Amino acid sequence: MLPTKLVLASASPRRRELLEQAGISYTLCPVDVDEHLEVRGAQLVEALAERKARAAWAKHPRDIILGADTMVYVDEQPLGKPQDAQDALRMLRLLQGRDHLVRTGVCVIDGPSGLVLCDSAQTTVYFDPMDDEEIRCYIASGEPYGKAGAYAVQGIAGLFVRRLEGSCSNVIGLPLHLVRALLGRIQNNTLKQEA
């Protein structure tokens, strides 16, 4: 059974779509947090997801909060959202013709009990080679903006993805299997407290 008062600490339309496709009801609570942390790898996305979830928890203390953060990594170097077309070009040149990792940290907070659960999922994405003309045409579509690693696997960029190893919903921005697992642990904790 899924919570009836889930609060999504995100403005991401992709995360909203994934929850809706999975039939999970939620209330939206976009938060603005400082994303500069001194941690790396899986710890970075989990820490950012927790920071977002805690910011929403402060506004919705009696609800269950869901926070997430997605980052693309090439050789363990994080690629965030591109600042401009030149930055998108740099990122896509790094990704073309090779594999890279997509990590999403997920944090669920049970407001009433204060239980905080964080974890992350990782997917390996393999890109076909792309020439500069293809990359520039893709950037001109506008799709790379606002996306970690400057691409959206569910959009035009799907033309360049040879294969995925791991969760596709993770690459889109919210690993649904992990969300389900964490919400299940919250529910089990609540049932134990009520028994």
N, C-alpha and C. Protein backbone atom coordinates (compact mmCIF):
# COMPACT_ATOMS: atom_id res chain seq x y z
N MET A 1 0.84 -1.18 0.00
CA MET A 1 0.00 0.00 0.00
C MET A 1 0.88 1.24 0.00
N LEU A 2 0.55 2.23 -0.82
CA LEU A 2 1.36 3.43 -0.91
C LEU A 2 0.77 4.54 -0.05
N PRO A 3 1.59 5.46 0.42
CA PRO A 3 1.09 6.53 1.29
C PRO A 3 0.11 7.43 0.56
N THR A 4 -0.85 7.94 1.33
CA THR A 4 -1.84 8.83 0.73
C THR A 4 -1.39 10.28 0.76
N LYS A 5 -0.39 10.60 1.57
CA LYS A 5 0.09 11.97 1.68
C LYS A 5 1.57 12.03 1.37
N LEU A 6 1.93 11.72 0.15
CA LEU A 6 3.31 11.80 -0.30
C LEU A 6 3.56 13.20 -0.84
N VAL A 7 4.68 13.79 -0.43
CA VAL A 7 5.07 15.12 -0.89
C VAL A 7 6.35 14.96 -1.71
N LEU A 8 6.33 15.42 -2.95
CA LEU A 8 7.49 15.36 -3.83
C LEU A 8 8.27 16.66 -3.74
N ALA A 9 9.50 16.56 -3.25
CA ALA A 9 10.37 17.74 -3.09
C ALA A 9 11.16 17.98 -4.37
N SER A 10 10.45 18.29 -5.44
CA SER A 10 11.10 18.46 -6.74
C SER A 10 10.22 19.26 -7.67
N ALA A 11 10.86 19.99 -8.57
CA ALA A 11 10.12 20.70 -9.63
C ALA A 11 10.22 19.95 -10.95
N SER A 12 10.90 18.80 -10.96
CA SER A 12 11.16 18.07 -12.19
C SER A 12 9.89 17.51 -12.82
N PRO A 13 9.58 17.92 -14.05
CA PRO A 13 8.41 17.35 -14.72
C PRO A 13 8.57 15.86 -14.99
N ARG A 14 9.81 15.40 -15.17
CA ARG A 14 10.04 13.98 -15.42
C ARG A 14 9.73 13.15 -14.20
N ARG A 15 10.09 13.62 -13.02
CA ARG A 15 9.76 12.89 -11.79
C ARG A 15 8.25 12.85 -11.58
N ARG A 16 7.59 13.95 -11.86
CA ARG A 16 6.13 13.98 -11.73
C ARG A 16 5.50 12.96 -12.67
N GLU A 17 5.96 12.93 -13.92
CA GLU A 17 5.41 11.98 -14.91
C GLU A 17 5.62 10.54 -14.47
N LEU A 18 6.80 10.23 -13.95
CA LEU A 18 7.08 8.86 -13.51
C LEU A 18 6.17 8.44 -12.37
N LEU A 19 5.96 9.34 -11.39
CA LEU A 19 5.05 9.01 -10.29
C LEU A 19 3.62 8.82 -10.79
N GLU A 20 3.19 9.69 -11.70
CA GLU A 20 1.84 9.58 -12.25
C GLU A 20 1.66 8.29 -13.04
N GLN A 21 2.68 7.92 -13.85
CA GLN A 21 2.60 6.68 -14.62
C GLN A 21 2.53 5.46 -13.70
N ALA A 22 3.18 5.57 -12.53
CA ALA A 22 3.17 4.47 -11.57
C ALA A 22 1.92 4.48 -10.69
N GLY A 23 1.06 5.48 -10.87
CA GLY A 23 -0.17 5.55 -10.09
C GLY A 23 0.04 6.03 -8.67
N ILE A 24 1.12 6.75 -8.42
CA ILE A 24 1.42 7.26 -7.07
C ILE A 24 0.95 8.71 -6.96
N SER A 25 0.04 8.95 -6.05
CA SER A 25 -0.47 10.31 -5.82
C SER A 25 0.53 11.09 -4.98
N TYR A 26 0.62 12.38 -5.23
CA TYR A 26 1.58 13.20 -4.49
C TYR A 26 1.12 14.65 -4.50
N THR A 27 1.71 15.41 -3.59
CA THR A 27 1.60 16.86 -3.56
C THR A 27 2.97 17.40 -3.92
N LEU A 28 2.99 18.46 -4.69
CA LEU A 28 4.25 19.03 -5.15
C LEU A 28 4.75 20.08 -4.17
N CYS A 29 6.05 20.00 -3.85
CA CYS A 29 6.69 21.00 -2.99
C CYS A 29 8.10 21.25 -3.49
N PRO A 30 8.25 22.01 -4.59
CA PRO A 30 9.59 22.31 -5.09
C PRO A 30 10.39 23.06 -4.03
N VAL A 31 11.65 22.71 -3.89
CA VAL A 31 12.51 23.36 -2.90
C VAL A 31 13.77 23.86 -3.59
N ASP A 32 14.35 24.88 -3.02
CA ASP A 32 15.60 25.44 -3.54
C ASP A 32 16.65 25.26 -2.45
N VAL A 33 17.64 24.41 -2.70
CA VAL A 33 18.67 24.14 -1.70
C VAL A 33 20.05 24.39 -2.30
N ASP A 34 21.01 24.61 -1.43
CA ASP A 34 22.40 24.75 -1.85
C ASP A 34 22.89 23.37 -2.29
N GLU A 35 23.34 23.25 -3.54
CA GLU A 35 23.75 21.95 -4.06
C GLU A 35 25.27 21.77 -4.04
N HIS A 36 25.98 22.62 -3.34
CA HIS A 36 27.44 22.50 -3.24
C HIS A 36 27.79 21.70 -1.99
N LEU A 37 28.29 20.50 -2.20
CA LEU A 37 28.69 19.64 -1.10
C LEU A 37 30.10 19.11 -1.36
N GLU A 38 30.77 18.70 -0.31
CA GLU A 38 32.14 18.20 -0.43
C GLU A 38 32.19 16.67 -0.53
N VAL A 39 31.12 16.03 -0.94
CA VAL A 39 31.12 14.58 -1.09
C VAL A 39 31.03 14.25 -2.58
N ARG A 40 31.30 12.98 -2.92
CA ARG A 40 31.31 12.57 -4.33
C ARG A 40 30.53 11.28 -4.50
N GLY A 41 30.36 10.90 -5.79
CA GLY A 41 29.77 9.61 -6.13
C GLY A 41 28.35 9.46 -5.60
N ALA A 42 28.04 8.23 -5.18
CA ALA A 42 26.69 7.93 -4.69
C ALA A 42 26.36 8.77 -3.47
N GLN A 43 27.37 9.08 -2.65
CA GLN A 43 27.11 9.89 -1.46
C GLN A 43 26.62 11.29 -1.83
N LEU A 44 27.10 11.82 -2.97
CA LEU A 44 26.68 13.16 -3.39
C LEU A 44 25.19 13.18 -3.71
N VAL A 45 24.73 12.28 -4.56
CA VAL A 45 23.31 12.31 -4.94
C VAL A 45 22.41 11.97 -3.77
N GLU A 46 22.87 11.09 -2.88
CA GLU A 46 22.06 10.77 -1.69
C GLU A 46 21.99 11.96 -0.75
N ALA A 47 23.12 12.67 -0.56
CA ALA A 47 23.13 13.84 0.31
C ALA A 47 22.26 14.96 -0.25
N LEU A 48 22.30 15.16 -1.56
CA LEU A 48 21.45 16.18 -2.18
C LEU A 48 19.98 15.81 -2.09
N ALA A 49 19.65 14.53 -2.30
CA ALA A 49 18.27 14.07 -2.17
C ALA A 49 17.78 14.30 -0.74
N GLU A 50 18.63 14.00 0.23
CA GLU A 50 18.24 14.21 1.63
C GLU A 50 18.05 15.69 1.94
N ARG A 51 18.95 16.52 1.43
CA ARG A 51 18.84 17.96 1.66
C ARG A 51 17.50 18.49 1.12
N LYS A 52 17.12 18.03 -0.07
CA LYS A 52 15.84 18.45 -0.66
C LYS A 52 14.67 17.93 0.16
N ALA A 53 14.74 16.67 0.57
CA ALA A 53 13.65 16.08 1.35
C ALA A 53 13.49 16.81 2.69
N ARG A 54 14.58 17.12 3.34
CA ARG A 54 14.50 17.82 4.64
C ARG A 54 13.91 19.22 4.48
N ALA A 55 14.24 19.89 3.37
CA ALA A 55 13.67 21.23 3.13
C ALA A 55 12.16 21.15 2.98
N ALA A 56 11.67 20.12 2.29
CA ALA A 56 10.22 19.95 2.14
C ALA A 56 9.58 19.49 3.44
N TRP A 57 10.28 18.68 4.20
CA TRP A 57 9.78 18.19 5.50
C TRP A 57 9.50 19.36 6.44
N ALA A 58 10.35 20.39 6.38
CA ALA A 58 10.14 21.57 7.23
C ALA A 58 8.80 22.23 6.93
N LYS A 59 8.33 22.09 5.69
CA LYS A 59 7.05 22.69 5.30
C LYS A 59 5.87 21.73 5.47
N HIS A 60 6.15 20.43 5.49
CA HIS A 60 5.11 19.39 5.58
C HIS A 60 5.52 18.36 6.63
N PRO A 61 5.54 18.75 7.91
CA PRO A 61 6.09 17.87 8.95
C PRO A 61 5.27 16.61 9.24
N ARG A 62 4.03 16.54 8.80
CA ARG A 62 3.18 15.38 9.11
C ARG A 62 3.03 14.43 7.93
N ASP A 63 3.72 14.68 6.84
CA ASP A 63 3.57 13.88 5.62
C ASP A 63 4.82 13.04 5.35
N ILE A 64 4.72 12.20 4.35
CA ILE A 64 5.86 11.43 3.88
C ILE A 64 6.48 12.22 2.72
N ILE A 65 7.78 12.43 2.80
CA ILE A 65 8.48 13.28 1.85
C ILE A 65 9.37 12.43 0.95
N LEU A 66 9.40 12.78 -0.34
CA LEU A 66 10.26 12.11 -1.31
C LEU A 66 11.15 13.15 -1.98
N GLY A 67 12.46 12.98 -1.83
CA GLY A 67 13.43 13.85 -2.49
C GLY A 67 14.33 13.01 -3.39
N ALA A 68 14.83 13.60 -4.46
CA ALA A 68 15.70 12.87 -5.38
C ALA A 68 16.67 13.84 -6.05
N ASP A 69 17.80 13.30 -6.46
CA ASP A 69 18.77 14.08 -7.22
C ASP A 69 19.49 13.14 -8.19
N THR A 70 19.62 13.57 -9.44
CA THR A 70 20.25 12.74 -10.48
C THR A 70 21.50 13.43 -11.01
N MET A 71 22.54 12.64 -11.23
CA MET A 71 23.79 13.16 -11.76
C MET A 71 24.35 12.16 -12.77
N VAL A 72 24.96 12.69 -13.82
CA VAL A 72 25.64 11.89 -14.83
C VAL A 72 27.13 11.95 -14.54
N TYR A 73 27.80 10.81 -14.66
CA TYR A 73 29.23 10.74 -14.38
C TYR A 73 29.98 10.15 -15.57
N VAL A 74 31.08 10.80 -15.95
CA VAL A 74 32.01 10.26 -16.94
C VAL A 74 33.35 10.12 -16.21
N ASP A 75 33.84 8.90 -16.11
CA ASP A 75 35.08 8.63 -15.38
C ASP A 75 35.04 9.26 -13.99
N GLU A 76 33.90 9.08 -13.31
CA GLU A 76 33.67 9.58 -11.95
C GLU A 76 33.64 11.10 -11.85
N GLN A 77 33.65 11.80 -12.96
CA GLN A 77 33.50 13.25 -12.95
C GLN A 77 32.03 13.59 -13.16
N PRO A 78 31.41 14.33 -12.23
CA PRO A 78 29.99 14.63 -12.37
C PRO A 78 29.71 15.65 -13.46
N LEU A 79 28.63 15.42 -14.20
CA LEU A 79 28.14 16.37 -15.19
C LEU A 79 26.75 16.80 -14.73
N GLY A 80 26.61 18.03 -14.36
CA GLY A 80 25.30 18.54 -13.95
C GLY A 80 24.50 18.99 -15.16
N LYS A 81 23.69 20.01 -14.96
CA LYS A 81 22.90 20.58 -16.05
C LYS A 81 23.76 21.60 -16.80
N PRO A 82 23.67 21.62 -18.13
CA PRO A 82 24.52 22.56 -18.87
C PRO A 82 24.12 24.02 -18.62
N GLN A 83 25.14 24.86 -18.53
CA GLN A 83 24.90 26.29 -18.32
C GLN A 83 24.44 26.99 -19.59
N ASP A 84 24.94 26.50 -20.73
CA ASP A 84 24.62 27.13 -22.02
C ASP A 84 24.94 26.13 -23.14
N ALA A 85 24.81 26.56 -24.39
CA ALA A 85 25.03 25.67 -25.53
C ALA A 85 26.46 25.14 -25.58
N GLN A 86 27.43 25.97 -25.24
CA GLN A 86 28.82 25.55 -25.26
C GLN A 86 29.07 24.47 -24.21
N ASP A 87 28.46 24.62 -23.05
CA ASP A 87 28.60 23.63 -21.98
C ASP A 87 27.92 22.32 -22.39
N ALA A 88 26.76 22.41 -23.03
CA ALA A 88 26.08 21.21 -23.52
C ALA A 88 26.93 20.50 -24.57
N LEU A 89 27.55 21.27 -25.46
CA LEU A 89 28.43 20.69 -26.48
C LEU A 89 29.60 19.95 -25.82
N ARG A 90 30.19 20.55 -24.82
CA ARG A 90 31.30 19.92 -24.09
C ARG A 90 30.85 18.58 -23.49
N MET A 91 29.71 18.59 -22.82
CA MET A 91 29.21 17.37 -22.17
C MET A 91 28.90 16.28 -23.19
N LEU A 92 28.20 16.64 -24.24
CA LEU A 92 27.80 15.63 -25.23
C LEU A 92 29.00 15.07 -25.98
N ARG A 93 30.02 15.88 -26.19
CA ARG A 93 31.25 15.36 -26.78
C ARG A 93 31.91 14.33 -25.85
N LEU A 94 31.84 14.57 -24.55
CA LEU A 94 32.39 13.61 -23.58
C LEU A 94 31.63 12.28 -23.59
N LEU A 95 30.31 12.35 -23.80
CA LEU A 95 29.46 11.17 -23.72
C LEU A 95 29.46 10.33 -24.99
N GLN A 96 29.64 10.95 -26.14
CA GLN A 96 29.46 10.26 -27.42
C GLN A 96 30.45 9.11 -27.59
N GLY A 97 29.93 8.00 -28.10
CA GLY A 97 30.75 6.84 -28.42
C GLY A 97 31.29 6.07 -27.24
N ARG A 98 30.68 6.22 -26.08
CA ARG A 98 31.20 5.53 -24.89
C ARG A 98 30.10 5.31 -23.86
N ASP A 99 30.47 4.71 -22.75
CA ASP A 99 29.52 4.49 -21.67
C ASP A 99 29.73 5.55 -20.58
N HIS A 100 28.69 5.74 -19.79
CA HIS A 100 28.77 6.62 -18.63
C HIS A 100 27.77 6.13 -17.59
N LEU A 101 27.84 6.67 -16.40
CA LEU A 101 26.96 6.27 -15.31
C LEU A 101 25.93 7.37 -15.03
N VAL A 102 24.74 6.93 -14.68
CA VAL A 102 23.72 7.84 -14.18
C VAL A 102 23.37 7.35 -12.78
N ARG A 103 23.53 8.24 -11.81
CA ARG A 103 23.18 7.91 -10.42
C ARG A 103 22.06 8.82 -9.96
N THR A 104 21.10 8.22 -9.28
CA THR A 104 20.03 9.00 -8.66
C THR A 104 19.96 8.64 -7.19
N GLY A 105 20.07 9.66 -6.36
CA GLY A 105 19.86 9.48 -4.93
C GLY A 105 18.40 9.70 -4.61
N VAL A 106 17.88 8.88 -3.72
CA VAL A 106 16.48 8.99 -3.30
C VAL A 106 16.45 9.04 -1.77
N CYS A 107 15.67 9.97 -1.24
CA CYS A 107 15.49 10.06 0.20
C CYS A 107 13.99 10.12 0.50
N VAL A 108 13.57 9.27 1.43
CA VAL A 108 12.18 9.28 1.89
C VAL A 108 12.20 9.56 3.39
N ILE A 109 11.39 10.51 3.80
CA ILE A 109 11.29 10.85 5.22
C ILE A 109 9.85 10.64 5.66
N ASP A 110 9.69 9.87 6.74
CA ASP A 110 8.38 9.71 7.36
C ASP A 110 8.23 10.84 8.37
N GLY A 111 7.47 11.86 7.99
CA GLY A 111 7.33 13.05 8.82
C GLY A 111 6.95 12.77 10.26
N PRO A 112 5.87 11.99 10.50
CA PRO A 112 5.44 11.77 11.88
C PRO A 112 6.50 11.10 12.76
N SER A 113 7.22 10.10 12.24
CA SER A 113 8.20 9.38 13.07
C SER A 113 9.60 9.97 12.97
N GLY A 114 9.87 10.73 11.90
CA GLY A 114 11.20 11.28 11.71
C GLY A 114 12.18 10.30 11.08
N LEU A 115 11.69 9.13 10.66
CA LEU A 115 12.56 8.14 10.03
C LEU A 115 13.04 8.66 8.67
N VAL A 116 14.35 8.64 8.44
CA VAL A 116 14.96 9.11 7.19
C VAL A 116 15.65 7.93 6.53
N LEU A 117 15.27 7.62 5.29
CA LEU A 117 15.88 6.53 4.54
C LEU A 117 16.42 7.08 3.23
N CYS A 118 17.69 6.81 2.96
CA CYS A 118 18.32 7.28 1.72
C CYS A 118 19.06 6.12 1.04
N ASP A 119 19.02 6.11 -0.26
CA ASP A 119 19.73 5.11 -1.05
C ASP A 119 19.91 5.68 -2.45
N SER A 120 20.61 4.94 -3.30
CA SER A 120 20.79 5.41 -4.67
C SER A 120 20.78 4.25 -5.64
N ALA A 121 20.50 4.57 -6.89
CA ALA A 121 20.52 3.59 -7.97
C ALA A 121 21.52 4.06 -9.02
N GLN A 122 22.07 3.09 -9.74
CA GLN A 122 23.06 3.40 -10.76
C GLN A 122 22.72 2.65 -12.05
N THR A 123 22.82 3.34 -13.17
CA THR A 123 22.57 2.75 -14.48
C THR A 123 23.74 3.12 -15.39
N THR A 124 24.19 2.16 -16.18
CA THR A 124 25.21 2.43 -17.18
C THR A 124 24.52 2.67 -18.52
N VAL A 125 24.85 3.77 -19.17
CA VAL A 125 24.25 4.14 -20.45
C VAL A 125 25.35 4.12 -21.51
N TYR A 126 25.07 3.49 -22.64
CA TYR A 126 26.02 3.42 -23.75
C TYR A 126 25.53 4.29 -24.90
N PHE A 127 26.30 5.29 -25.25
CA PHE A 127 25.97 6.20 -26.36
C PHE A 127 26.67 5.75 -27.63
N ASP A 128 25.98 5.83 -28.75
CA ASP A 128 26.62 5.65 -30.05
C ASP A 128 27.49 6.87 -30.34
N PRO A 129 28.43 6.73 -31.26
CA PRO A 129 29.20 7.92 -31.68
C PRO A 129 28.27 8.95 -32.31
N MET A 130 28.57 10.22 -32.06
CA MET A 130 27.81 11.34 -32.62
C MET A 130 28.83 12.32 -33.20
N ASP A 131 28.57 12.82 -34.39
CA ASP A 131 29.47 13.85 -34.91
C ASP A 131 29.00 15.22 -34.43
N ASP A 132 29.84 16.22 -34.63
CA ASP A 132 29.52 17.56 -34.13
C ASP A 132 28.23 18.12 -34.72
N GLU A 133 27.95 17.79 -35.96
CA GLU A 133 26.71 18.29 -36.58
C GLU A 133 25.50 17.71 -35.87
N GLU A 134 25.53 16.40 -35.56
CA GLU A 134 24.42 15.78 -34.83
C GLU A 134 24.28 16.39 -33.44
N ILE A 135 25.40 16.60 -32.79
CA ILE A 135 25.36 17.18 -31.44
C ILE A 135 24.77 18.59 -31.49
N ARG A 136 25.21 19.40 -32.45
CA ARG A 136 24.71 20.78 -32.54
C ARG A 136 23.22 20.81 -32.88
N CYS A 137 22.77 19.91 -33.75
CA CYS A 137 21.33 19.83 -34.06
C CYS A 137 20.54 19.45 -32.81
N TYR A 138 21.09 18.51 -32.05
CA TYR A 138 20.41 18.11 -30.81
C TYR A 138 20.33 19.28 -29.83
N ILE A 139 21.42 20.01 -29.68
CA ILE A 139 21.41 21.17 -28.78
C ILE A 139 20.40 22.20 -29.24
N ALA A 140 20.31 22.41 -30.57
CA ALA A 140 19.35 23.38 -31.12
C ALA A 140 17.91 23.01 -30.83
N SER A 141 17.64 21.73 -30.56
CA SER A 141 16.28 21.30 -30.21
C SER A 141 15.84 21.85 -28.86
N GLY A 142 16.80 22.26 -28.03
CA GLY A 142 16.49 22.77 -26.69
C GLY A 142 16.39 21.69 -25.64
N GLU A 143 16.36 20.44 -26.04
CA GLU A 143 16.16 19.35 -25.08
C GLU A 143 17.26 19.23 -24.02
N PRO A 144 18.53 19.52 -24.33
CA PRO A 144 19.58 19.31 -23.33
C PRO A 144 19.49 20.20 -22.09
N TYR A 145 18.81 21.33 -22.21
CA TYR A 145 18.79 22.27 -21.09
C TYR A 145 17.95 21.76 -19.94
N GLY A 146 18.48 21.94 -18.74
CA GLY A 146 17.78 21.49 -17.54
C GLY A 146 17.90 20.00 -17.29
N LYS A 147 18.79 19.31 -18.04
CA LYS A 147 18.96 17.87 -17.89
C LYS A 147 20.40 17.56 -17.47
N ALA A 148 20.56 16.72 -16.47
CA ALA A 148 21.90 16.28 -16.07
C ALA A 148 22.57 15.59 -17.25
N GLY A 149 23.80 15.98 -17.54
CA GLY A 149 24.52 15.39 -18.66
C GLY A 149 24.09 15.91 -20.00
N ALA A 150 23.16 16.86 -20.04
CA ALA A 150 22.70 17.53 -21.27
C ALA A 150 21.92 16.62 -22.21
N TYR A 151 21.20 15.63 -21.65
CA TYR A 151 20.36 14.82 -22.53
C TYR A 151 19.18 14.23 -21.77
N ALA A 152 18.15 13.84 -22.55
CA ALA A 152 16.96 13.18 -22.01
C ALA A 152 16.77 11.87 -22.76
N VAL A 153 16.99 10.76 -22.08
CA VAL A 153 16.90 9.44 -22.73
C VAL A 153 15.50 9.18 -23.28
N GLN A 154 14.48 9.78 -22.67
CA GLN A 154 13.10 9.57 -23.11
C GLN A 154 12.72 10.48 -24.27
N GLY A 155 13.66 11.30 -24.72
CA GLY A 155 13.40 12.22 -25.82
C GLY A 155 14.23 11.90 -27.04
N ILE A 156 14.64 12.95 -27.73
CA ILE A 156 15.42 12.80 -28.96
C ILE A 156 16.72 12.04 -28.70
N ALA A 157 17.32 12.25 -27.54
CA ALA A 157 18.59 11.59 -27.23
C ALA A 157 18.48 10.08 -27.25
N GLY A 158 17.28 9.56 -27.11
CA GLY A 158 17.09 8.11 -27.18
C GLY A 158 17.59 7.53 -28.50
N LEU A 159 17.67 8.36 -29.54
CA LEU A 159 18.21 7.91 -30.83
C LEU A 159 19.67 7.53 -30.75
N PHE A 160 20.37 8.07 -29.76
CA PHE A 160 21.81 7.85 -29.65
C PHE A 160 22.18 6.83 -28.57
N VAL A 161 21.20 6.35 -27.82
CA VAL A 161 21.48 5.40 -26.74
C VAL A 161 21.45 3.99 -27.30
N ARG A 162 22.59 3.33 -27.26
CA ARG A 162 22.69 1.95 -27.77
C ARG A 162 22.03 0.97 -26.80
N ARG A 163 22.34 1.12 -25.51
CA ARG A 163 21.73 0.24 -24.52
C ARG A 163 21.91 0.81 -23.12
N LEU A 164 21.11 0.26 -22.21
CA LEU A 164 21.17 0.62 -20.80
C LEU A 164 21.43 -0.65 -20.00
N GLU A 165 22.19 -0.53 -18.93
CA GLU A 165 22.32 -1.62 -17.97
C GLU A 165 21.85 -1.06 -16.64
N GLY A 166 20.63 -1.43 -16.27
CA GLY A 166 20.04 -0.91 -15.04
C GLY A 166 18.67 -0.32 -15.33
N SER A 167 18.21 0.49 -14.42
CA SER A 167 16.86 1.04 -14.46
C SER A 167 16.75 2.21 -15.44
N CYS A 168 15.79 2.12 -16.35
CA CYS A 168 15.53 3.23 -17.27
C CYS A 168 14.92 4.42 -16.51
N SER A 169 14.02 4.14 -15.55
CA SER A 169 13.42 5.25 -14.80
C SER A 169 14.47 6.00 -13.99
N ASN A 170 15.55 5.32 -13.62
CA ASN A 170 16.66 5.99 -12.94
C ASN A 170 17.27 7.04 -13.86
N VAL A 171 17.48 6.69 -15.13
CA VAL A 171 18.09 7.63 -16.08
C VAL A 171 17.16 8.82 -16.32
N ILE A 172 15.86 8.57 -16.29
CA ILE A 172 14.89 9.65 -16.49
C ILE A 172 14.86 10.57 -15.26
N GLY A 173 15.19 10.03 -14.09
CA GLY A 173 15.29 10.90 -12.91
C GLY A 173 14.71 10.36 -11.63
N LEU A 174 14.12 9.16 -11.64
CA LEU A 174 13.55 8.62 -10.40
C LEU A 174 13.45 7.10 -10.51
N PRO A 175 14.36 6.36 -9.87
CA PRO A 175 14.31 4.90 -9.93
C PRO A 175 13.10 4.37 -9.16
N LEU A 176 12.06 4.01 -9.89
CA LEU A 176 10.80 3.64 -9.25
C LEU A 176 10.93 2.42 -8.35
N HIS A 177 11.77 1.46 -8.73
CA HIS A 177 11.95 0.28 -7.88
C HIS A 177 12.51 0.67 -6.51
N LEU A 178 13.39 1.65 -6.47
CA LEU A 178 13.97 2.11 -5.21
C LEU A 178 12.95 2.91 -4.41
N VAL A 179 12.17 3.74 -5.08
CA VAL A 179 11.10 4.49 -4.40
C VAL A 179 10.14 3.52 -3.73
N ARG A 180 9.73 2.48 -4.46
CA ARG A 180 8.82 1.47 -3.92
C ARG A 180 9.42 0.80 -2.68
N ALA A 181 10.70 0.43 -2.76
CA ALA A 181 11.37 -0.25 -1.65
C ALA A 181 11.44 0.64 -0.41
N LEU A 182 11.81 1.91 -0.60
CA LEU A 182 11.92 2.81 0.54
C LEU A 182 10.56 3.12 1.15
N LEU A 183 9.54 3.33 0.30
CA LEU A 183 8.19 3.56 0.83
C LEU A 183 7.68 2.32 1.57
N GLY A 184 8.04 1.14 1.08
CA GLY A 184 7.65 -0.10 1.78
C GLY A 184 8.28 -0.19 3.16
N ARG A 185 9.54 0.24 3.27
CA ARG A 185 10.20 0.24 4.59
C ARG A 185 9.55 1.24 5.53
N ILE A 186 9.15 2.39 4.99
CA ILE A 186 8.44 3.39 5.81
C ILE A 186 7.12 2.80 6.31
N GLN A 187 6.39 2.14 5.41
CA GLN A 187 5.11 1.55 5.78
C GLN A 187 5.29 0.46 6.85
N ASN A 188 6.29 -0.39 6.68
CA ASN A 188 6.55 -1.44 7.67
C ASN A 188 6.88 -0.85 9.02
N ASN A 189 7.64 0.24 9.04
CA ASN A 189 7.97 0.91 10.29
C ASN A 189 6.71 1.46 10.95
N THR A 190 5.82 2.05 10.14
CA THR A 190 4.57 2.60 10.68
C THR A 190 3.69 1.50 11.25
N LEU A 191 3.60 0.37 10.56
CA LEU A 191 2.80 -0.77 11.04
C LEU A 191 3.35 -1.30 12.37
N LYS A 192 4.67 -1.36 12.51
CA LYS A 192 5.28 -1.85 13.76
C LYS A 192 4.95 -0.90 14.91
N GLN A 193 4.97 0.41 14.62
CA GLN A 193 4.67 1.38 15.67
C GLN A 193 3.22 1.31 16.11
N GLU A 194 2.32 0.97 15.17
CA GLU A 194 0.89 0.89 15.49
C GLU A 194 0.53 -0.40 16.20
N ALA A 195 1.37 -1.44 16.06
CA ALA A 195 1.06 -2.75 16.65
C ALA A 195 1.25 -2.75 18.17
